[in-house]
Amino acid sequence: MADDLSAIDREGFARELDALRVELEAEISVEDFAHLRKLERWASACTVIGYATGWLAPNPLSAIALSLGSTARWTIVVHHVSHKSMDKVPGIPERYTSRVFAQGQRRMLDWFDWMLPEAWHHEHDVLHHFHTGELADPDLVEENVSVIRDAKIPKVLKYAAVAFYAATWKLTYYTPNTFQILKRAQKRRARRGGTEEARGDEPYLAVLDPRTDVGREFWRRCLLPYGLGRFVAIPAAFLPLGPWAAFSVWANSVAAEVLTNVHTFLIIAPNHAGDDVYRFDTPAHGRAELYLRQVAGSANYTTGGDLRDFLQGFLNYQIEHHLFPTLPPRKYQQMQPRVKAICARYGVPYVQQSLFRRVKKLVDVMVGNTSMRHGITRAGGGEHAAAAE
């Protein structure tokens, strides 16, 4: 049966969190920007090391360094700047504001990746954050992998499917999914109405078909810019050092792409999956209920220390980030123990475990060993949740 969380004092919980948010927002300063810039320099250093050694021969050091650079660029820099975390910093350079960063001609300079920035912003910053754990959440893992969960095949094949998904998910999930969601939103706005859809009627990966208008746009705006840049133009730039140098850079780039897929999958996907994490069958009403759901529907990893947080893409503060997504990453480090204490006072489920334990819980959900909890977060809101069991 669904767990009833409606007896929790949501309003009192929200008041304490709001007070904490006001306090932290008042303390946003150039130190928060300096902290982000430090993390960005770490990411850039990884990329420089990757290419500086990548022409010698295919090797794990270069691949790992390139992978770390790409991962940190997305999960730390792009992620937080896109959420407007730097917009309130006094005297912030305009290129680090959400309205400029990775927009237009700055896309390939600020975020060199498959995804279209505005598509990821709409899918992630809007739909995922405002509908966490609902069917309207495009990143609801349990729902997205229902084909694997329900398949009548040997369990070993399900694990193999998860492994393939992890190694390719930026290309086979995030990029086409975010683009399709953006196109649906644009059509809805053109009709001046309609319900926002996290999952449409079009076939999965339909945008990969270059015979259609939307397919050609997808190739032109997503696949070709990054694919030709990362795997053709950059390796070709090393041709003056010889064919072996160019081939080595290409091989290390391909290996890095697989590694960054696996790395980002392991630190992103477990944030909202597990048999101790909640999903919801009705929309949230009001800020207080939304706060409760953001905590109950998210999971943290082990926190503390810039290096550990960097390697986990600062996604180990997922609960704090989902409560206040516009705060700088440094503020999550400062507020995490206080948020955990507030949750304890109000009896709000606060899940925090090592990354490895969370990955196991994720995989168990994906292959059908376990299922997520259904939660009721307001009185009288249980009909749909109970029916889902």
Protein backbone atom coordinates (compact mmCIF):
# COMPACT_ATOMS: atom_id res chain seq x y z
CA MET A 1 0.00 0.00 0.00
CA ALA A 2 1.00 3.61 -0.44
CA ASP A 3 2.72 5.31 2.49
CA ASP A 4 0.71 8.15 4.04
CA LEU A 5 2.95 11.16 4.66
CA SER A 6 0.04 13.60 4.95
CA ALA A 7 0.24 13.85 8.76
CA ILE A 8 3.62 15.60 8.53
CA ASP A 9 3.43 19.27 9.47
CA ARG A 10 4.13 20.49 5.95
CA GLU A 11 3.55 24.15 6.73
CA GLY A 12 5.93 24.17 9.68
CA PHE A 13 8.48 22.25 7.61
CA ALA A 14 8.15 24.79 4.79
CA ARG A 15 8.51 27.75 7.15
CA GLU A 16 11.82 26.49 8.49
CA LEU A 17 13.12 25.76 4.99
CA ASP A 18 12.03 29.17 3.74
CA ALA A 19 13.84 30.86 6.61
CA LEU A 20 16.98 28.92 5.74
CA ARG A 21 16.64 29.87 2.08
CA VAL A 22 16.30 33.58 2.91
CA GLU A 23 19.38 33.39 5.14
CA LEU A 24 21.48 31.66 2.50
CA GLU A 25 20.35 33.87 -0.36
CA ALA A 26 21.35 36.93 1.65
CA GLU A 27 24.85 35.46 1.98
CA ILE A 28 25.43 34.83 -1.74
CA SER A 29 28.69 36.54 -2.63
CA VAL A 30 31.67 36.56 -4.96
CA GLU A 31 33.04 33.70 -2.86
CA ASP A 32 30.33 31.47 -4.32
CA PHE A 33 31.38 32.45 -7.82
CA ALA A 34 35.06 31.92 -6.95
CA HIS A 35 34.16 28.43 -5.74
CA LEU A 36 32.37 27.59 -8.99
CA ARG A 37 35.28 28.98 -11.00
CA LYS A 38 37.66 26.75 -9.06
CA LEU A 39 35.59 23.70 -9.94
CA GLU A 40 35.44 24.86 -13.54
CA ARG A 41 39.24 25.17 -13.62
CA TRP A 42 39.51 21.61 -12.31
CA ALA A 43 37.27 20.45 -15.16
CA SER A 44 39.30 22.42 -17.71
CA ALA A 45 42.54 21.03 -16.31
CA CYS A 46 41.22 17.50 -16.80
CA THR A 47 40.42 18.28 -20.43
CA VAL A 48 43.85 19.83 -21.02
CA ILE A 49 45.58 16.80 -19.48
CA GLY A 50 43.45 14.50 -21.61
CA TYR A 51 44.45 16.11 -24.89
CA ALA A 52 48.03 16.85 -23.82
CA THR A 53 48.60 13.11 -23.31
CA GLY A 54 45.98 11.77 -25.70
CA TRP A 55 48.08 11.98 -28.86
CA LEU A 56 50.81 9.69 -27.51
CA ALA A 57 48.75 6.49 -27.62
CA PRO A 58 45.33 5.18 -26.60
CA ASN A 59 45.59 5.09 -22.80
CA PRO A 60 43.35 5.16 -19.71
CA LEU A 61 44.82 8.36 -18.23
CA SER A 62 43.80 10.46 -21.24
CA ALA A 63 40.36 8.86 -21.50
CA ILE A 64 39.64 9.30 -17.79
CA ALA A 65 40.83 12.92 -17.81
CA LEU A 66 38.70 13.80 -20.85
CA SER A 67 35.74 12.03 -19.27
CA LEU A 68 36.09 13.92 -15.98
CA GLY A 69 36.30 17.21 -17.82
CA SER A 70 33.07 16.53 -19.72
CA THR A 71 31.25 15.19 -16.67
CA ALA A 72 32.13 18.11 -14.40
CA ARG A 73 31.35 20.64 -17.10
CA TRP A 74 27.81 19.30 -17.35
CA THR A 75 26.93 18.27 -13.80
CA ILE A 76 28.59 21.17 -11.97
CA VAL A 77 29.08 24.20 -14.20
CA VAL A 78 26.26 23.98 -16.75
CA HIS A 79 23.84 22.46 -14.29
CA HIS A 80 24.11 25.20 -11.69
CA VAL A 81 24.51 28.16 -14.05
CA SER A 82 21.45 26.98 -16.00
CA HIS A 83 19.50 27.02 -12.74
CA LYS A 84 20.43 30.73 -12.27
CA SER A 85 22.70 29.97 -9.32
CA MET A 86 25.15 32.70 -10.33
CA ASP A 87 22.59 35.33 -11.36
CA LYS A 88 22.42 36.87 -7.87
CA VAL A 89 26.17 37.10 -7.32
CA PRO A 90 27.16 40.78 -7.12
CA GLY A 91 29.17 41.89 -10.15
CA ILE A 92 28.93 38.51 -11.88
CA PRO A 93 30.40 38.50 -15.42
CA GLU A 94 27.50 38.43 -17.87
CA ARG A 95 28.74 35.28 -19.57
CA TYR A 96 28.13 33.34 -16.33
CA THR A 97 24.48 34.36 -16.11
CA SER A 98 21.77 31.92 -17.17
CA ARG A 99 20.61 34.17 -20.02
CA VAL A 100 24.06 34.11 -21.71
CA PHE A 101 25.89 30.95 -20.66
CA ALA A 102 25.82 28.28 -23.41
CA GLN A 103 23.28 30.29 -25.37
CA GLY A 104 23.48 30.93 -29.11
CA GLN A 105 27.03 31.09 -30.39
CA ARG A 106 28.41 30.36 -26.91
CA ARG A 107 26.92 26.87 -26.90
CA MET A 108 29.99 24.97 -28.09
CA LEU A 109 32.32 27.17 -26.06
CA ASP A 110 30.50 26.83 -22.75
CA TRP A 111 28.95 23.35 -23.11
CA PHE A 112 30.52 21.14 -25.75
CA ASP A 113 28.15 18.17 -25.72
CA TRP A 114 25.36 16.40 -27.62
CA MET A 115 22.45 18.11 -25.91
CA LEU A 116 20.75 21.31 -27.01
CA PRO A 117 20.98 23.62 -23.95
CA GLU A 118 17.45 24.99 -24.24
CA ALA A 119 16.07 21.46 -24.63
CA TRP A 120 17.86 20.20 -21.54
CA HIS A 121 16.79 23.32 -19.62
CA HIS A 122 13.12 22.67 -20.37
CA GLU A 123 13.27 18.93 -19.70
CA HIS A 124 15.35 19.20 -16.54
CA ASP A 125 14.94 22.64 -14.98
CA VAL A 126 11.21 22.86 -15.67
CA LEU A 127 9.54 19.46 -16.00
CA HIS A 128 11.80 17.32 -13.81
CA HIS A 129 12.13 19.83 -10.98
CA PHE A 130 8.48 20.84 -10.80
CA HIS A 131 7.10 17.31 -11.21
CA THR A 132 9.67 15.20 -9.35
CA GLY A 133 8.50 11.62 -9.00
CA GLU A 134 5.24 12.17 -10.92
CA LEU A 135 4.27 10.68 -14.26
CA ALA A 136 4.89 14.18 -15.64
CA ASP A 137 8.54 13.82 -14.60
CA PRO A 138 10.46 12.84 -17.75
CA ASP A 139 13.26 11.39 -15.58
CA LEU A 140 11.11 8.97 -13.58
CA VAL A 141 13.40 5.96 -13.95
CA GLU A 142 10.92 3.29 -12.90
CA GLU A 143 8.49 4.45 -15.58
CA ASN A 144 11.11 4.98 -18.27
CA VAL A 145 12.49 1.45 -17.99
CA SER A 146 9.15 -0.35 -17.70
CA VAL A 147 9.98 -2.27 -20.89
CA ILE A 148 13.04 -3.76 -19.16
CA ARG A 149 11.25 -4.28 -15.83
CA ASP A 150 8.29 -6.07 -17.42
CA ALA A 151 10.19 -8.05 -20.05
CA LYS A 152 9.85 -11.84 -19.79
CA ILE A 153 13.54 -12.47 -20.40
CA PRO A 154 16.39 -13.91 -18.30
CA LYS A 155 17.61 -11.52 -15.62
CA VAL A 156 21.12 -11.53 -17.10
CA LEU A 157 19.73 -9.90 -20.26
CA LYS A 158 18.10 -7.21 -18.17
CA TYR A 159 21.43 -6.43 -16.53
CA ALA A 160 23.04 -6.33 -19.97
CA ALA A 161 20.39 -3.84 -21.13
CA VAL A 162 21.12 -1.63 -18.11
CA ALA A 163 24.85 -1.77 -18.88
CA PHE A 164 24.25 -0.75 -22.50
CA TYR A 165 21.96 2.05 -21.37
CA ALA A 166 24.58 3.32 -18.92
CA ALA A 167 27.34 3.34 -21.54
CA THR A 168 25.28 5.23 -24.13
CA TRP A 169 22.60 7.16 -22.26
CA LYS A 170 23.56 10.71 -23.25
CA LEU A 171 23.04 9.71 -26.88
CA THR A 172 20.26 7.13 -26.47
CA TYR A 173 18.25 8.91 -23.76
CA TYR A 174 19.08 12.45 -22.74
CA THR A 175 19.76 14.08 -26.09
CA PRO A 176 16.80 12.71 -28.10
CA ASN A 177 14.44 12.80 -25.11
CA THR A 178 15.15 16.42 -24.23
CA PHE A 179 14.85 17.45 -27.89
CA GLN A 180 11.51 15.65 -28.36
CA ILE A 181 10.15 17.20 -25.18
CA LEU A 182 11.18 20.67 -26.34
CA LYS A 183 9.49 20.15 -29.72
CA ARG A 184 6.29 19.00 -27.98
CA ALA A 185 6.37 22.10 -25.76
CA GLN A 186 6.82 24.32 -28.81
CA LYS A 187 3.83 22.70 -30.50
CA ARG A 188 1.77 23.14 -27.34
CA ARG A 189 2.67 26.82 -27.17
CA ALA A 190 1.77 27.21 -30.86
CA ARG A 191 -1.66 25.76 -30.06
CA ARG A 192 -1.83 28.16 -27.09
CA GLY A 193 -2.80 25.52 -24.65
CA GLY A 194 -2.81 21.86 -23.78
CA THR A 195 -1.19 19.73 -21.14
CA GLU A 196 2.59 19.48 -20.87
CA GLU A 197 3.62 15.91 -21.73
CA ALA A 198 6.71 14.14 -20.44
CA ARG A 199 6.09 11.22 -22.78
CA GLY A 200 4.52 11.65 -26.20
CA ASP A 201 2.97 9.40 -28.83
CA GLU A 202 5.93 9.58 -31.20
CA PRO A 203 8.16 6.48 -31.31
CA TYR A 204 11.18 6.49 -29.04
CA LEU A 205 14.25 7.82 -30.87
CA ALA A 206 12.02 9.02 -33.74
CA VAL A 207 14.18 12.13 -33.98
CA LEU A 208 17.07 10.00 -35.23
CA ASP A 209 15.30 9.62 -38.57
CA PRO A 210 16.89 12.18 -40.94
CA ARG A 211 14.08 11.69 -43.45
CA THR A 212 11.76 13.85 -41.33
CA ASP A 213 11.91 17.60 -40.73
CA VAL A 214 12.36 17.15 -36.99
CA GLY A 215 14.97 14.45 -37.60
CA ARG A 216 17.00 16.71 -39.85
CA GLU A 217 16.81 19.50 -37.27
CA PHE A 218 17.94 17.08 -34.57
CA TRP A 219 20.95 15.99 -36.60
CA ARG A 220 21.82 19.56 -37.54
CA ARG A 221 21.51 21.03 -34.05
CA CYS A 222 22.52 18.11 -31.80
CA LEU A 223 24.35 15.19 -33.36
CA LEU A 224 26.50 16.76 -36.05
CA PRO A 225 27.98 19.74 -34.16
CA TYR A 226 29.29 17.63 -31.30
CA GLY A 227 29.93 14.44 -33.26
CA LEU A 228 31.98 16.14 -35.96
CA GLY A 229 33.73 18.40 -33.47
CA ARG A 230 34.70 15.79 -30.89
CA PHE A 231 35.43 12.82 -33.13
CA VAL A 232 36.56 14.42 -36.41
CA ALA A 233 37.79 18.01 -36.10
CA ILE A 234 39.73 17.69 -32.84
CA PRO A 235 41.53 14.45 -33.80
CA ALA A 236 42.28 15.97 -37.22
CA ALA A 237 43.95 18.92 -35.50
CA PHE A 238 46.65 16.48 -34.31
CA LEU A 239 47.49 15.30 -37.85
CA PRO A 240 50.62 17.52 -37.97
CA LEU A 241 51.98 15.16 -35.30
CA GLY A 242 51.26 12.18 -37.53
CA PRO A 243 48.41 9.74 -38.28
CA TRP A 244 49.11 7.79 -35.08
CA ALA A 245 48.64 10.94 -32.99
CA ALA A 246 45.32 11.70 -34.66
CA PHE A 247 44.14 8.11 -34.26
CA SER A 248 45.16 8.08 -30.58
CA VAL A 249 43.19 11.26 -29.88
CA TRP A 250 40.18 9.76 -31.65
CA ALA A 251 40.45 6.48 -29.70
CA ASN A 252 40.83 8.29 -26.38
CA SER A 253 37.86 10.52 -27.27
CA VAL A 254 35.67 7.50 -27.97
CA ALA A 255 36.77 5.83 -24.73
CA ALA A 256 36.13 9.07 -22.84
CA GLU A 257 32.63 9.27 -24.29
CA VAL A 258 31.81 5.82 -22.94
CA LEU A 259 33.36 6.65 -19.57
CA THR A 260 31.51 9.95 -19.20
CA ASN A 261 28.26 8.19 -20.07
CA VAL A 262 28.87 5.60 -17.36
CA HIS A 263 30.08 8.20 -14.84
CA THR A 264 27.13 10.54 -15.32
CA PHE A 265 24.70 7.62 -15.29
CA LEU A 266 26.10 6.43 -11.95
CA ILE A 267 25.88 9.85 -10.30
CA ILE A 268 22.63 11.11 -11.86
CA ALA A 269 20.22 8.20 -12.25
CA PRO A 270 20.29 6.95 -8.61
CA ASN A 271 19.19 10.38 -7.30
CA HIS A 272 15.50 9.57 -7.71
CA ALA A 273 15.29 5.78 -7.67
CA GLY A 274 15.26 3.02 -5.06
CA ASP A 275 12.84 1.08 -2.92
CA ASP A 276 13.20 3.76 -0.22
CA VAL A 277 12.49 6.70 -2.55
CA TYR A 278 8.96 7.90 -3.26
CA ARG A 279 7.00 8.48 -6.44
CA PHE A 280 3.63 10.20 -6.55
CA ASP A 281 0.40 9.65 -8.44
CA THR A 282 -1.13 13.09 -8.09
CA PRO A 283 0.30 16.57 -8.71
CA ALA A 284 1.61 18.60 -5.78
CA HIS A 285 -0.45 21.53 -4.53
CA GLY A 286 1.39 24.39 -2.92
CA ARG A 287 4.97 25.06 -1.91
CA ALA A 288 4.83 23.08 1.34
CA GLU A 289 3.76 19.85 -0.35
CA LEU A 290 6.31 20.41 -3.10
CA TYR A 291 9.09 20.73 -0.49
CA LEU A 292 8.00 17.48 1.13
CA ARG A 293 8.02 15.67 -2.20
CA GLN A 294 11.41 17.03 -3.23
CA VAL A 295 12.95 15.50 -0.12
CA ALA A 296 11.00 12.23 -0.09
CA GLY A 297 11.52 11.76 -3.83
CA SER A 298 15.29 12.33 -3.82
CA ALA A 299 18.41 10.72 -2.37
CA ASN A 300 21.81 12.09 -1.36
CA TYR A 301 25.18 10.38 -1.44
CA THR A 302 28.03 10.84 1.00
CA THR A 303 28.85 14.54 1.23
CA GLY A 304 31.75 16.73 2.30
CA GLY A 305 34.94 18.05 0.73
CA ASP A 306 35.36 19.67 -2.67
CA LEU A 307 37.23 16.72 -4.22
CA ARG A 308 34.63 14.16 -3.21
CA ASP A 309 31.83 16.50 -4.27
CA PHE A 310 33.58 17.22 -7.58
CA LEU A 311 33.88 13.52 -8.41
CA GLN A 312 30.18 13.09 -7.66
CA GLY A 313 29.27 16.15 -9.72
CA PHE A 314 27.78 17.83 -6.62
CA LEU A 315 24.82 15.52 -7.21
CA ASN A 316 25.43 14.11 -3.75
CA TYR A 317 23.45 17.17 -2.56
CA GLN A 318 20.38 16.28 -4.60
CA ILE A 319 17.90 16.88 -1.78
CA GLU A 320 19.20 20.37 -1.09
CA HIS A 321 19.41 21.13 -4.80
CA HIS A 322 15.81 20.07 -5.38
CA LEU A 323 14.63 22.22 -2.50
CA PHE A 324 16.46 25.32 -3.71
CA PRO A 325 17.77 24.78 -7.26
CA THR A 326 18.83 28.42 -7.74
CA LEU A 327 21.48 28.34 -5.00
CA PRO A 328 25.22 28.03 -5.80
CA PRO A 329 26.82 24.62 -5.14
CA ARG A 330 28.85 26.02 -2.25
CA LYS A 331 25.62 26.80 -0.43
CA TYR A 332 24.55 23.15 -0.61
CA GLN A 333 27.67 22.19 1.30
CA GLN A 334 26.78 24.74 3.97
CA MET A 335 23.09 23.90 4.27
CA GLN A 336 23.12 20.08 4.02
CA PRO A 337 23.46 19.26 7.75
CA ARG A 338 20.86 21.89 8.61
CA VAL A 339 18.35 20.53 6.09
CA LYS A 340 18.91 17.02 7.41
CA ALA A 341 18.25 18.23 10.94
CA ILE A 342 15.04 20.01 9.91
CA CYS A 343 13.83 16.83 8.21
CA ALA A 344 14.56 14.84 11.36
CA ARG A 345 12.52 17.27 13.48
CA TYR A 346 9.48 16.94 11.24
CA GLY A 347 9.77 13.23 10.48
CA VAL A 348 10.42 13.80 6.77
CA PRO A 349 12.22 10.84 5.12
CA TYR A 350 15.80 11.93 4.31
CA VAL A 351 17.73 9.28 2.38
CA GLN A 352 21.54 9.48 2.33
CA GLN A 353 23.84 6.57 1.53
CA SER A 354 27.07 5.90 -0.30
CA LEU A 355 26.96 6.18 -4.07
CA PHE A 356 27.62 2.46 -4.44
CA ARG A 357 24.60 1.50 -2.33
CA ARG A 358 22.42 3.92 -4.28
CA VAL A 359 23.60 2.46 -7.60
CA LYS A 360 22.60 -1.02 -6.43
CA LYS A 361 19.16 0.26 -5.45
CA LEU A 362 18.82 1.93 -8.85
CA VAL A 363 19.71 -1.24 -10.75
CA ASP A 364 17.33 -3.30 -8.61
CA VAL A 365 14.50 -0.99 -9.67
CA MET A 366 15.56 -1.04 -13.31
CA VAL A 367 15.58 -4.85 -13.61
CA GLY A 368 12.44 -5.31 -11.52
CA ASN A 369 13.93 -6.73 -8.32
CA THR A 370 12.32 -3.93 -6.31
CA SER A 371 9.88 -1.07 -6.83
CA MET A 372 9.70 2.50 -5.64
CA ARG A 373 7.37 3.57 -2.86
CA HIS A 374 4.16 5.42 -3.60
CA GLY A 375 3.57 8.37 -1.33
CA ILE A 376 0.51 10.32 -0.23
CA THR A 377 1.54 13.83 0.78
CA ARG A 378 -1.79 15.49 1.54
CA ALA A 379 -5.02 14.44 3.22
CA GLY A 380 -7.56 13.16 0.72
CA GLY A 381 -4.88 12.65 -1.93
CA GLY A 382 -4.62 8.90 -1.72
CA GLU A 383 -7.13 7.53 -4.21
CA HIS A 384 -4.77 7.40 -7.18
CA ALA A 385 -1.82 6.31 -5.07
CA ALA A 386 -3.75 3.41 -3.57
CA ALA A 387 -5.05 2.36 -6.98
CA ALA A 388 -1.50 2.22 -8.31
CA GLU A 389 -0.47 -0.51 -5.91
